[in-house]
């Protein structure tokens, strides 16, 4: 069986929540089993959305660097380093705000919303 990582994590989570946790319902172990199941669901959600989030942030970073006339390096970390250097060196308040807005967006897309509990 060859499942993508997000689907494998989701399947493990559902097995944990549907088969392991219910028999242990009112015990500490049952609470732990539910917590592990929910953590696996969060990981599955994060894994599934990570490539799109990363691509969106990289595209925005590249746009900001290009608009400022800076070299757009290859690679996520190199782009972030270039943004940091641009932010440190610019006197353009609008550009500073746009870079900081991008940093905020990067933080917001990194947040993984808790999934709905299975019923």
PDB file of N, CA and C in Angstrom:
ATOM      1  N   UNK A   1       0.857  -1.174   0.000  1.00  0.00           N
ATOM      2  CA  UNK A   1       0.000   0.000   0.000  1.00  0.00           C
ATOM      3  C   UNK A   1       0.899   1.231   0.000  1.00  0.00           C
ATOM      4  N   UNK A   2       0.646   2.110  -0.930  1.00  0.00           N
ATOM      5  CA  UNK A   2       1.448   3.312  -1.049  1.00  0.00           C
ATOM      6  C   UNK A   2       0.537   4.538  -0.989  1.00  0.00           C
ATOM      7  N   UNK A   3       0.448   5.144   0.180  1.00  0.00           N
ATOM      8  CA  UNK A   3      -0.375   6.336   0.359  1.00  0.00           C
ATOM      9  C   UNK A   3       0.526   7.552   0.491  1.00  0.00           C
ATOM     10  N   UNK A   4       0.060   8.706   0.029  1.00  0.00           N
ATOM     11  CA  UNK A   4       0.814   9.922   0.285  1.00  0.00           C
ATOM     12  C   UNK A   4       0.838  10.188   1.794  1.00  0.00           C
ATOM     13  N   UNK A   5       1.852  10.885   2.279  1.00  0.00           N
ATOM     14  CA  UNK A   5       1.997  11.100   3.728  1.00  0.00           C
ATOM     15  C   UNK A   5       0.764  11.699   4.404  1.00  0.00           C
ATOM     16  N   UNK A   6       0.097  12.654   3.754  1.00  0.00           N
ATOM     17  CA  UNK A   6      -1.074  13.263   4.397  1.00  0.00           C
ATOM     18  C   UNK A   6      -2.206  12.253   4.566  1.00  0.00           C
ATOM     19  N   UNK A   7      -2.417  11.401   3.576  1.00  0.00           N
ATOM     20  CA  UNK A   7      -3.488  10.396   3.668  1.00  0.00           C
ATOM     21  C   UNK A   7      -3.135   9.313   4.676  1.00  0.00           C
ATOM     22  N   UNK A   8      -1.856   8.959   4.763  1.00  0.00           N
ATOM     23  CA  UNK A   8      -1.429   7.965   5.736  1.00  0.00           C
ATOM     24  C   UNK A   8      -1.636   8.496   7.162  1.00  0.00           C
ATOM     25  N   UNK A   9      -1.254   9.748   7.393  1.00  0.00           N
ATOM     26  CA  UNK A   9      -1.453  10.345   8.715  1.00  0.00           C
ATOM     27  C   UNK A   9      -2.938  10.440   9.065  1.00  0.00           C
ATOM     28  N   UNK A  10      -3.759  10.809   8.095  1.00  0.00           N
ATOM     29  CA  UNK A  10      -5.200  10.890   8.333  1.00  0.00           C
ATOM     30  C   UNK A  10      -5.785   9.514   8.656  1.00  0.00           C
ATOM     31  N   UNK A  11      -5.336   8.483   7.951  1.00  0.00           N
ATOM     32  CA  UNK A  11      -5.827   7.125   8.216  1.00  0.00           C
ATOM     33  C   UNK A  11      -5.423   6.661   9.609  1.00  0.00           C
ATOM     34  N   UNK A  12      -4.192   6.964   9.999  1.00  0.00           N
ATOM     35  CA  UNK A  12      -3.746   6.614  11.349  1.00  0.00           C
ATOM     36  C   UNK A  12      -4.564   7.351  12.404  1.00  0.00           C
ATOM     37  N   UNK A  13      -4.839   8.611  12.141  1.00  0.00           N
ATOM     38  CA  UNK A  13      -5.628   9.417  13.086  1.00  0.00           C
ATOM     39  C   UNK A  13      -7.020   8.838  13.246  1.00  0.00           C
ATOM     40  N   UNK A  14      -7.658   8.495  12.137  1.00  0.00           N
ATOM     41  CA  UNK A  14      -9.021   7.974  12.209  1.00  0.00           C
ATOM     42  C   UNK A  14      -9.045   6.610  12.903  1.00  0.00           C
ATOM     43  N   UNK A  15      -8.029   5.791  12.691  1.00  0.00           N
ATOM     44  CA  UNK A  15      -7.950   4.508  13.388  1.00  0.00           C
ATOM     45  C   UNK A  15      -7.775   4.749  14.890  1.00  0.00           C
ATOM     46  N   UNK A  16      -6.939   5.683  15.236  1.00  0.00           N
ATOM     47  CA  UNK A  16      -6.713   6.017  16.641  1.00  0.00           C
ATOM     48  C   UNK A  16      -8.005   6.504  17.288  1.00  0.00           C
ATOM     49  N   UNK A  17      -8.707   7.407  16.606  1.00  0.00           N
ATOM     50  CA  UNK A  17      -9.928   7.993  17.168  1.00  0.00           C
ATOM     51  C   UNK A  17     -11.120   7.034  17.112  1.00  0.00           C
ATOM     52  N   UNK A  18     -11.136   6.162  16.115  1.00  0.00           N
ATOM     53  CA  UNK A  18     -12.292   5.280  15.951  1.00  0.00           C
ATOM     54  C   UNK A  18     -12.159   3.924  16.604  1.00  0.00           C
ATOM     55  N   UNK A  19     -10.918   3.433  16.769  1.00  0.00           N
ATOM     56  CA  UNK A  19     -10.748   2.088  17.305  1.00  0.00           C
ATOM     57  C   UNK A  19     -10.027   2.056  18.653  1.00  0.00           C
ATOM     58  N   UNK A  20      -9.069   2.916  18.854  1.00  0.00           N
ATOM     59  CA  UNK A  20      -8.274   2.867  20.080  1.00  0.00           C
ATOM     60  C   UNK A  20      -8.927   3.668  21.202  1.00  0.00           C
ATOM     61  N   UNK A  21      -9.327   4.891  20.913  1.00  0.00           N
ATOM     62  CA  UNK A  21      -9.855   5.771  21.961  1.00  0.00           C
ATOM     63  C   UNK A  21     -11.203   5.328  22.536  1.00  0.00           C
ATOM     64  N   UNK A  22     -12.186   4.885  21.729  1.00  0.00           N
ATOM     65  CA  UNK A  22     -13.507   4.569  22.294  1.00  0.00           C
ATOM     66  C   UNK A  22     -13.513   3.536  23.431  1.00  0.00           C
ATOM     67  N   UNK A  23     -12.776   2.424  23.329  1.00  0.00           N
ATOM     68  CA  UNK A  23     -12.809   1.466  24.441  1.00  0.00           C
ATOM     69  C   UNK A  23     -12.195   2.019  25.743  1.00  0.00           C
ATOM     70  N   UNK A  24     -11.372   3.048  25.609  1.00  0.00           N
ATOM     71  CA  UNK A  24     -10.702   3.631  26.773  1.00  0.00           C
ATOM     72  C   UNK A  24     -11.386   4.916  27.239  1.00  0.00           C
ATOM     73  N   UNK A  25     -12.610   5.109  26.812  1.00  0.00           N
ATOM     74  CA  UNK A  25     -13.360   6.362  26.904  1.00  0.00           C
ATOM     75  C   UNK A  25     -13.118   7.188  28.165  1.00  0.00           C
ATOM     76  N   UNK A  26     -13.385   6.657  29.325  1.00  0.00           N
ATOM     77  CA  UNK A  26     -13.379   7.458  30.556  1.00  0.00           C
ATOM     78  C   UNK A  26     -12.046   7.416  31.300  1.00  0.00           C
ATOM     79  N   UNK A  27     -10.993   6.959  30.660  1.00  0.00           N
ATOM     80  CA  UNK A  27      -9.712   6.838  31.360  1.00  0.00           C
ATOM     81  C   UNK A  27      -8.708   7.868  30.859  1.00  0.00           C
ATOM     82  N   UNK A  28      -7.640   7.995  31.605  1.00  0.00           N
ATOM     83  CA  UNK A  28      -6.540   8.877  31.196  1.00  0.00           C
ATOM     84  C   UNK A  28      -5.973   8.406  29.855  1.00  0.00           C
ATOM     85  N   UNK A  29      -5.848   7.095  29.702  1.00  0.00           N
ATOM     86  CA  UNK A  29      -5.335   6.535  28.442  1.00  0.00           C
ATOM     87  C   UNK A  29      -6.247   6.896  27.273  1.00  0.00           C
ATOM     88  N   UNK A  30      -7.565   6.932  27.522  1.00  0.00           N
ATOM     89  CA  UNK A  30      -8.504   7.323  26.469  1.00  0.00           C
ATOM     90  C   UNK A  30      -8.305   8.763  26.052  1.00  0.00           C
ATOM     91  N   UNK A  31      -8.089   9.643  27.026  1.00  0.00           N
ATOM     92  CA  UNK A  31      -7.811  11.046  26.715  1.00  0.00           C
ATOM     93  C   UNK A  31      -6.529  11.193  25.922  1.00  0.00           C
ATOM     94  N   UNK A  32      -5.521  10.416  26.302  1.00  0.00           N
ATOM     95  CA  UNK A  32      -4.256  10.443  25.568  1.00  0.00           C
ATOM     96  C   UNK A  32      -4.431   9.934  24.145  1.00  0.00           C
ATOM     97  N   UNK A  33      -5.230   8.887  23.987  1.00  0.00           N
ATOM     98  CA  UNK A  33      -5.478   8.336  22.650  1.00  0.00           C
ATOM     99  C   UNK A  33      -6.172   9.360  21.769  1.00  0.00           C
ATOM    100  N   UNK A  34      -7.126  10.097  22.333  1.00  0.00           N
ATOM    101  CA  UNK A  34      -7.807  11.141  21.561  1.00  0.00           C
ATOM    102  C   UNK A  34      -6.837  12.257  21.184  1.00  0.00           C
ATOM    103  N   UNK A  35      -5.997  12.638  22.128  1.00  0.00           N
ATOM    104  CA  UNK A  35      -5.019  13.697  21.856  1.00  0.00           C
ATOM    105  C   UNK A  35      -4.073  13.281  20.735  1.00  0.00           C
ATOM    106  N   UNK A  36      -3.615  12.051  20.763  1.00  0.00           N
ATOM    107  CA  UNK A  36      -2.730  11.553  19.708  1.00  0.00           C
ATOM    108  C   UNK A  36      -3.462  11.540  18.366  1.00  0.00           C
ATOM    109  N   UNK A  37      -4.715  11.108  18.363  1.00  0.00           N
ATOM    110  CA  UNK A  37      -5.491  11.100  17.123  1.00  0.00           C
ATOM    111  C   UNK A  37      -5.662  12.488  16.548  1.00  0.00           C
ATOM    112  N   UNK A  38      -5.978  13.449  17.419  1.00  0.00           N
ATOM    113  CA  UNK A  38      -6.133  14.830  16.949  1.00  0.00           C
ATOM    114  C   UNK A  38      -4.811  15.401  16.444  1.00  0.00           C
ATOM    115  N   UNK A  39      -3.727  15.084  17.121  1.00  0.00           N
ATOM    116  CA  UNK A  39      -2.414  15.554  16.670  1.00  0.00           C
ATOM    117  C   UNK A  39      -2.093  14.989  15.286  1.00  0.00           C
ATOM    118  N   UNK A  40      -2.438  13.740  15.061  1.00  0.00           N
ATOM    119  CA  UNK A  40      -2.209  13.143  13.740  1.00  0.00           C
ATOM    120  C   UNK A  40      -3.062  13.818  12.670  1.00  0.00           C
ATOM    121  N   UNK A  41      -4.302  14.179  13.004  1.00  0.00           N
ATOM    122  CA  UNK A  41      -5.138  14.901  12.040  1.00  0.00           C
ATOM    123  C   UNK A  41      -4.536  16.262  11.703  1.00  0.00           C
ATOM    124  N   UNK A  42      -4.018  16.948  12.718  1.00  0.00           N
ATOM    125  CA  UNK A  42      -3.379  18.240  12.474  1.00  0.00           C
ATOM    126  C   UNK A  42      -2.153  18.090  11.578  1.00  0.00           C
ATOM    127  N   UNK A  43      -1.363  17.071  11.843  1.00  0.00           N
ATOM    128  CA  UNK A  43      -0.187  16.832  11.001  1.00  0.00           C
ATOM    129  C   UNK A  43      -0.594  16.518   9.563  1.00  0.00           C
ATOM    130  N   UNK A  44      -1.640  15.722   9.391  1.00  0.00           N
ATOM    131  CA  UNK A  44      -2.115  15.382   8.041  1.00  0.00           C
ATOM    132  C   UNK A  44      -2.553  16.638   7.310  1.00  0.00           C
ATOM    133  N   UNK A  45      -3.284  17.499   7.995  1.00  0.00           N
ATOM    134  CA  UNK A  45      -3.749  18.748   7.386  1.00  0.00           C
ATOM    135  C   UNK A  45      -2.564  19.635   7.007  1.00  0.00           C
ATOM    136  N   UNK A  46      -1.590  19.714   7.876  1.00  0.00           N
ATOM    137  CA  UNK A  46      -0.429  20.549   7.610  1.00  0.00           C
ATOM    138  C   UNK A  46       0.390  20.006   6.438  1.00  0.00           C
ATOM    139  N   UNK A  47       0.598  18.712   6.411  1.00  0.00           N
ATOM    140  CA  UNK A  47       1.359  18.089   5.326  1.00  0.00           C
ATOM    141  C   UNK A  47       0.670  18.308   3.984  1.00  0.00           C
ATOM    142  N   UNK A  48      -0.651  18.196   3.967  1.00  0.00           N
ATOM    143  CA  UNK A  48      -1.403  18.350   2.717  1.00  0.00           C
ATOM    144  C   UNK A  48      -1.306  19.765   2.152  1.00  0.00           C
ATOM    145  N   UNK A  49      -1.315  20.758   3.016  1.00  0.00           N
ATOM    146  CA  UNK A  49      -1.322  22.142   2.550  1.00  0.00           C
ATOM    147  C   UNK A  49       0.036  22.794   2.427  1.00  0.00           C
ATOM    148  N   UNK A  50       1.075  22.152   2.939  1.00  0.00           N
ATOM    149  CA  UNK A  50       2.397  22.777   2.971  1.00  0.00           C
ATOM    150  C   UNK A  50       2.950  23.169   1.598  1.00  0.00           C
ATOM    151  N   UNK A  51       2.880  22.317   0.586  1.00  0.00           N
ATOM    152  CA  UNK A  51       3.453  22.709  -0.710  1.00  0.00           C
ATOM    153  C   UNK A  51       2.801  23.964  -1.313  1.00  0.00           C
ATOM    154  N   UNK A  52       1.493  24.065  -1.217  1.00  0.00           N
ATOM    155  CA  UNK A  52       0.804  25.239  -1.777  1.00  0.00           C
ATOM    156  C   UNK A  52       1.155  26.496  -0.990  1.00  0.00           C
ATOM    157  N   UNK A  53       1.217  26.371   0.342  1.00  0.00           N
ATOM    158  CA  UNK A  53       1.586  27.535   1.163  1.00  0.00           C
ATOM    159  C   UNK A  53       3.000  27.999   0.840  1.00  0.00           C
ATOM    160  N   UNK A  54       3.902  27.065   0.731  1.00  0.00           N
ATOM    161  CA  UNK A  54       5.299  27.413   0.459  1.00  0.00           C
ATOM    162  C   UNK A  54       5.433  28.067  -0.919  1.00  0.00           C
ATOM    163  N   UNK A  55       4.753  27.525  -1.912  1.00  0.00           N
ATOM    164  CA  UNK A  55       4.814  28.091  -3.267  1.00  0.00           C
ATOM    165  C   UNK A  55       4.261  29.509  -3.297  1.00  0.00           C
ATOM    166  N   UNK A  56       3.165  29.738  -2.578  1.00  0.00           N
ATOM    167  CA  UNK A  56       2.558  31.073  -2.550  1.00  0.00           C
ATOM    168  C   UNK A  56       3.508  32.088  -1.907  1.00  0.00           C
ATOM    169  N   UNK A  57       4.128  31.714  -0.817  1.00  0.00           N
ATOM    170  CA  UNK A  57       5.056  32.620  -0.132  1.00  0.00           C
ATOM    171  C   UNK A  57       6.294  32.866  -0.982  1.00  0.00           C
ATOM    172  N   UNK A  58       6.802  31.830  -1.620  1.00  0.00           N
ATOM    173  CA  UNK A  58       7.980  31.998  -2.481  1.00  0.00           C
ATOM    174  C   UNK A  58       7.679  32.922  -3.654  1.00  0.00           C
ATOM    175  N   UNK A  59       6.495  32.790  -4.224  1.00  0.00           N
ATOM    176  CA  UNK A  59       6.124  33.658  -5.345  1.00  0.00           C
ATOM    177  C   UNK A  59       6.031  35.110  -4.888  1.00  0.00           C
ATOM    178  N   UNK A  60       5.426  35.348  -3.740  1.00  0.00           N
ATOM    179  CA  UNK A  60       5.319  36.716  -3.218  1.00  0.00           C
ATOM    180  C   UNK A  60       6.698  37.289  -2.898  1.00  0.00           C
ATOM    181  N   UNK A  61       7.559  36.479  -2.318  1.00  0.00           N
ATOM    182  CA  UNK A  61       8.916  36.936  -2.000  1.00  0.00           C
ATOM    183  C   UNK A  61       9.665  37.296  -3.279  1.00  0.00           C
ATOM    184  N   UNK A  62       9.534  36.459  -4.300  1.00  0.00           N
ATOM    185  CA  UNK A  62      10.196  36.733  -5.577  1.00  0.00           C
ATOM    186  C   UNK A  62       9.687  38.030  -6.197  1.00  0.00           C
ATOM    187  N   UNK A  63       8.365  38.249  -6.124  1.00  0.00           N
ATOM    188  CA  UNK A  63       7.780  39.484  -6.666  1.00  0.00           C
ATOM    189  C   UNK A  63       8.328  40.718  -5.955  1.00  0.00           C
ATOM    190  N   UNK A  64       8.384  40.664  -4.630  1.00  0.00           N
ATOM    191  CA  UNK A  64       8.899  41.814  -3.869  1.00  0.00           C
ATOM    192  C   UNK A  64      10.352  42.101  -4.220  1.00  0.00           C
ATOM    193  N   UNK A  65      11.152  41.058  -4.293  1.00  0.00           N
ATOM    194  CA  UNK A  65      12.565  41.252  -4.618  1.00  0.00           C
ATOM    195  C   UNK A  65      12.734  41.828  -6.026  1.00  0.00           C
ATOM    196  N   UNK A  66      11.986  41.284  -6.983  1.00  0.00           N
ATOM    197  CA  UNK A  66      12.089  41.759  -8.365  1.00  0.00           C
ATOM    198  C   UNK A  66      11.632  43.208  -8.479  1.00  0.00           C
ATOM    199  N   UNK A  67      10.524  43.557  -7.812  1.00  0.00           N
ATOM    200  CA  UNK A  67      10.028  44.937  -7.862  1.00  0.00           C
ATOM    201  C   UNK A  67      11.025  45.918  -7.257  1.00  0.00           C
ATOM    202  N   UNK A  68      11.790  45.462  -6.269  1.00  0.00           N
ATOM    203  CA  UNK A  68      12.779  46.336  -5.630  1.00  0.00           C
ATOM    204  C   UNK A  68      14.084  46.392  -6.410  1.00  0.00           C
ATOM    205  N   UNK A  69      14.174  45.622  -7.493  1.00  0.00           N
ATOM    206  CA  UNK A  69      15.387  45.608  -8.306  1.00  0.00           C
ATOM    207  C   UNK A  69      16.481  44.723  -7.738  1.00  0.00           C
ATOM    208  N   UNK A  70      16.134  43.899  -6.763  1.00  0.00           N
ATOM    209  CA  UNK A  70      17.119  42.994  -6.171  1.00  0.00           C
ATOM    210  C   UNK A  70      17.168  41.692  -6.970  1.00  0.00           C
ATOM    211  N   UNK A  71      18.258  40.998  -6.842  1.00  0.00           N
ATOM    212  CA  UNK A  71      18.398  39.691  -7.467  1.00  0.00           C
ATOM    213  C   UNK A  71      17.467  38.715  -6.758  1.00  0.00           C
ATOM    214  N   UNK A  72      16.791  37.891  -7.538  1.00  0.00           N
ATOM    215  CA  UNK A  72      15.897  36.885  -6.968  1.00  0.00           C
ATOM    216  C   UNK A  72      16.661  35.566  -6.939  1.00  0.00           C
ATOM    217  N   UNK A  73      17.130  35.170  -5.759  1.00  0.00           N
ATOM    218  CA  UNK A  73      17.902  33.926  -5.683  1.00  0.00           C
ATOM    219  C   UNK A  73      17.009  32.697  -5.804  1.00  0.00           C
ATOM    220  N   UNK A  74      17.628  31.576  -6.099  1.00  0.00           N
ATOM    221  CA  UNK A  74      16.919  30.305  -6.198  1.00  0.00           C
ATOM    222  C   UNK A  74      16.891  29.679  -4.805  1.00  0.00           C
ATOM    223  N   UNK A  75      15.739  29.152  -4.433  1.00  0.00           N
ATOM    224  CA  UNK A  75      15.619  28.460  -3.147  1.00  0.00           C
ATOM    225  C   UNK A  75      14.909  29.297  -2.102  1.00  0.00           C
ATOM    226  N   UNK A  76      14.102  28.626  -1.323  1.00  0.00           N
ATOM    227  CA  UNK A  76      13.281  29.271  -0.300  1.00  0.00           C
ATOM    228  C   UNK A  76      14.127  30.050   0.714  1.00  0.00           C
ATOM    229  N   UNK A  77      15.111  29.376   1.294  1.00  0.00           N
ATOM    230  CA  UNK A  77      15.926  30.017   2.326  1.00  0.00           C
ATOM    231  C   UNK A  77      16.726  31.196   1.767  1.00  0.00           C
ATOM    232  N   UNK A  78      17.219  31.048   0.554  1.00  0.00           N
ATOM    233  CA  UNK A  78      17.975  32.136  -0.065  1.00  0.00           C
ATOM    234  C   UNK A  78      17.077  33.348  -0.309  1.00  0.00           C
ATOM    235  N   UNK A  79      15.835  33.105  -0.721  1.00  0.00           N
ATOM    236  CA  UNK A  79      14.892  34.224  -0.919  1.00  0.00           C
ATOM    237  C   UNK A  79      14.599  34.931   0.403  1.00  0.00           C
ATOM    238  N   UNK A  80      14.417  34.157   1.461  1.00  0.00           N
ATOM    239  CA  UNK A  80      14.160  34.772   2.760  1.00  0.00           C
ATOM    240  C   UNK A  80      15.364  35.582   3.229  1.00  0.00           C
ATOM    241  N   UNK A  81      16.557  35.067   3.006  1.00  0.00           N
ATOM    242  CA  UNK A  81      17.766  35.826   3.354  1.00  0.00           C
ATOM    243  C   UNK A  81      17.835  37.123   2.554  1.00  0.00           C
ATOM    244  N   UNK A  82      17.485  37.049   1.274  1.00  0.00           N
ATOM    245  CA  UNK A  82      17.492  38.251   0.438  1.00  0.00           C
ATOM    246  C   UNK A  82      16.446  39.259   0.902  1.00  0.00           C
ATOM    247  N   UNK A  83      15.279  38.774   1.318  1.00  0.00           N
ATOM    248  CA  UNK A  83      14.260  39.675   1.862  1.00  0.00           C
ATOM    249  C   UNK A  83      14.742  40.343   3.144  1.00  0.00           C
ATOM    250  N   UNK A  84      15.370  39.574   3.998  1.00  0.00           N
ATOM    251  CA  UNK A  84      15.914  40.139   5.241  1.00  0.00           C
ATOM    252  C   UNK A  84      16.934  41.231   4.938  1.00  0.00           C
ATOM    253  N   UNK A  85      17.812  40.963   3.975  1.00  0.00           N
ATOM    254  CA  UNK A  85      18.832  41.948   3.606  1.00  0.00           C
ATOM    255  C   UNK A  85      18.185  43.189   2.998  1.00  0.00           C
ATOM    256  N   UNK A  86      17.175  42.989   2.164  1.00  0.00           N
ATOM    257  CA  UNK A  86      16.477  44.119   1.554  1.00  0.00           C
ATOM    258  C   UNK A  86      15.782  44.956   2.626  1.00  0.00           C
ATOM    259  N   UNK A  87      15.134  44.311   3.564  1.00  0.00           N
ATOM    260  CA  UNK A  87      14.457  45.022   4.641  1.00  0.00           C
ATOM    261  C   UNK A  87      15.456  45.833   5.466  1.00  0.00           C
ATOM    262  N   UNK A  88      16.612  45.267   5.732  1.00  0.00           N
ATOM    263  CA  UNK A  88      17.622  45.958   6.531  1.00  0.00           C
ATOM    264  C   UNK A  88      18.238  47.141   5.789  1.00  0.00           C
ATOM    265  N   UNK A  89      18.254  47.088   4.461  1.00  0.00           N
ATOM    266  CA  UNK A  89      18.963  48.117   3.700  1.00  0.00           C
ATOM    267  C   UNK A  89      18.078  49.198   3.081  1.00  0.00           C
ATOM    268  N   UNK A  90      16.776  48.980   3.038  1.00  0.00           N
ATOM    269  CA  UNK A  90      15.922  49.932   2.326  1.00  0.00           C
ATOM    270  C   UNK A  90      15.495  51.093   3.220  1.00  0.00           C
ATOM    271  N   UNK A  91      15.287  52.214   2.581  1.00  0.00           N
ATOM    272  CA  UNK A  91      14.725  53.380   3.268  1.00  0.00           C
ATOM    273  C   UNK A  91      13.298  53.637   2.792  1.00  0.00           C
ATOM    274  N   UNK A  92      12.814  52.798   1.902  1.00  0.00           N
ATOM    275  CA  UNK A  92      11.469  52.921   1.341  1.00  0.00           C
ATOM    276  C   UNK A  92      10.459  52.339   2.331  1.00  0.00           C
ATOM    277  N   UNK A  93       9.662  53.223   2.944  1.00  0.00           N
ATOM    278  CA  UNK A  93       8.705  52.800   3.976  1.00  0.00           C
ATOM    279  C   UNK A  93       7.642  51.856   3.408  1.00  0.00           C
ATOM    280  N   UNK A  94       7.213  52.088   2.173  1.00  0.00           N
ATOM    281  CA  UNK A  94       6.212  51.222   1.569  1.00  0.00           C
ATOM    282  C   UNK A  94       6.772  49.813   1.366  1.00  0.00           C
ATOM    283  N   UNK A  95       8.004  49.729   0.901  1.00  0.00           N
ATOM    284  CA  UNK A  95       8.638  48.428   0.702  1.00  0.00           C
ATOM    285  C   UNK A  95       8.821  47.722   2.041  1.00  0.00           C
ATOM    286  N   UNK A  96       9.237  48.462   3.062  1.00  0.00           N
ATOM    287  CA  UNK A  96       9.374  47.870   4.398  1.00  0.00           C
ATOM    288  C   UNK A  96       8.040  47.265   4.850  1.00  0.00           C
ATOM    289  N   UNK A  97       6.959  48.028   4.682  1.00  0.00           N
ATOM    290  CA  UNK A  97       5.641  47.562   5.102  1.00  0.00           C
ATOM    291  C   UNK A  97       5.239  46.313   4.341  1.00  0.00           C
ATOM    292  N   UNK A  98       5.507  46.285   3.037  1.00  0.00           N
ATOM    293  CA  UNK A  98       5.130  45.131   2.222  1.00  0.00           C
ATOM    294  C   UNK A  98       5.918  43.885   2.617  1.00  0.00           C
ATOM    295  N   UNK A  99       7.193  44.063   2.941  1.00  0.00           N
ATOM    296  CA  UNK A  99       7.997  42.925   3.396  1.00  0.00           C
ATOM    297  C   UNK A  99       7.477  42.426   4.738  1.00  0.00           C
ATOM    298  N   UNK A 100       7.202  43.348   5.642  1.00  0.00           N
ATOM    299  CA  UNK A 100       6.676  42.948   6.947  1.00  0.00           C
ATOM    300  C   UNK A 100       5.300  42.292   6.814  1.00  0.00           C
ATOM    301  N   UNK A 101       4.477  42.804   5.887  1.00  0.00           N
ATOM    302  CA  UNK A 101       3.181  42.171   5.621  1.00  0.00           C
ATOM    303  C   UNK A 101       3.363  40.736   5.129  1.00  0.00           C
ATOM    304  N   UNK A 102       4.370  40.531   4.299  1.00  0.00           N
ATOM    305  CA  UNK A 102       4.649  39.182   3.818  1.00  0.00           C
ATOM    306  C   UNK A 102       5.079  38.283   4.975  1.00  0.00           C
ATOM    307  N   UNK A 103       5.898  38.800   5.873  1.00  0.00           N
ATOM    308  CA  UNK A 103       6.293  38.013   7.043  1.00  0.00           C
ATOM    309  C   UNK A 103       5.068  37.628   7.871  1.00  0.00           C
ATOM    310  N   UNK A 104       4.137  38.560   8.028  1.00  0.00           N
ATOM    311  CA  UNK A 104       2.907  38.258   8.766  1.00  0.00           C
ATOM    312  C   UNK A 104       2.109  37.187   8.029  1.00  0.00           C
ATOM    313  N   UNK A 105       1.994  37.326   6.717  1.00  0.00           N
ATOM    314  CA  UNK A 105       1.269  36.319   5.925  1.00  0.00           C
ATOM    315  C   UNK A 105       1.919  34.950   6.077  1.00  0.00           C
ATOM    316  N   UNK A 106       3.248  34.927   6.075  1.00  0.00           N
ATOM    317  CA  UNK A 106       3.958  33.663   6.237  1.00  0.00           C
ATOM    318  C   UNK A 106       3.617  33.028   7.586  1.00  0.00           C
ATOM    319  N   UNK A 107       3.522  33.838   8.620  1.00  0.00           N
ATOM    320  CA  UNK A 107       3.157  33.319   9.938  1.00  0.00           C
ATOM    321  C   UNK A 107       1.726  32.817   9.960  1.00  0.00           C
ATOM    322  N   UNK A 108       0.838  33.544   9.306  1.00  0.00           N
ATOM    323  CA  UNK A 108      -0.574  33.144   9.286  1.00  0.00           C
ATOM    324  C   UNK A 108      -0.789  31.846   8.520  1.00  0.00           C
ATOM    325  N   UNK A 109      -0.104  31.666   7.398  1.00  0.00           N
ATOM    326  CA  UNK A 109      -0.312  30.430   6.635  1.00  0.00           C
ATOM    327  C   UNK A 109       0.347  29.238   7.312  1.00  0.00           C
ATOM    328  N   UNK A 110       1.276  29.499   8.222  1.00  0.00           N
ATOM    329  CA  UNK A 110       1.911  28.405   8.954  1.00  0.00           C
ATOM    330  C   UNK A 110       1.000  27.863  10.052  1.00  0.00           C
ATOM    331  N   UNK A 111      -0.028  28.634  10.437  1.00  0.00           N
ATOM    332  CA  UNK A 111      -0.955  28.194  11.480  1.00  0.00           C
ATOM    333  C   UNK A 111      -1.841  27.092  10.930  1.00  0.00           C
ATOM    334  N   UNK A 112      -1.948  26.022  11.687  1.00  0.00           N
ATOM    335  CA  UNK A 112      -2.796  24.911  11.293  1.00  0.00           C
ATOM    336  C   UNK A 112      -4.044  24.954  12.165  1.00  0.00           C
ATOM    337  N   UNK A 113      -5.197  25.153  11.545  1.00  0.00           N
ATOM    338  CA  UNK A 113      -6.459  25.199  12.275  1.00  0.00           C
ATOM    339  C   UNK A 113      -6.838  23.803  12.742  1.00  0.00           C
ATOM    340  N   UNK A 114      -7.304  23.684  13.975  1.00  0.00           N
ATOM    341  CA  UNK A 114      -7.729  22.359  14.457  1.00  0.00           C
ATOM    342  C   UNK A 114      -8.881  21.800  13.634  1.00  0.00           C
ATOM    343  N   UNK A 115      -8.847  20.515  13.332  1.00  0.00           N
ATOM    344  CA  UNK A 115      -9.928  19.912  12.559  1.00  0.00           C
ATOM    345  C   UNK A 115     -11.161  19.701  13.431  1.00  0.00           C
ATOM    346  N   UNK A 116     -12.283  19.497  12.809  1.00  0.00           N
ATOM    347  CA  UNK A 116     -13.510  19.161  13.533  1.00  0.00           C
ATOM    348  C   UNK A 116     -13.374  17.747  14.094  1.00  0.00           C
ATOM    349  N   UNK A 117     -13.878  17.567  15.290  1.00  0.00           N
ATOM    350  CA  UNK A 117     -13.817  16.245  15.906  1.00  0.00           C
ATOM    351  C   UNK A 117     -14.752  15.280  15.191  1.00  0.00           C
ATOM    352  N   UNK A 118     -14.300  14.043  14.975  1.00  0.00           N
ATOM    353  CA  UNK A 118     -15.200  13.063  14.363  1.00  0.00           C
ATOM    354  C   UNK A 118     -16.328  12.708  15.333  1.00  0.00           C
ATOM    355  N   UNK A 119     -17.475  12.431  14.789  1.00  0.00           N
ATOM    356  CA  UNK A 119     -18.604  12.074  15.649  1.00  0.00           C
ATOM    357  C   UNK A 119     -18.928  10.608  15.587  1.00  0.00           C
TER     358      UNK A 119
END
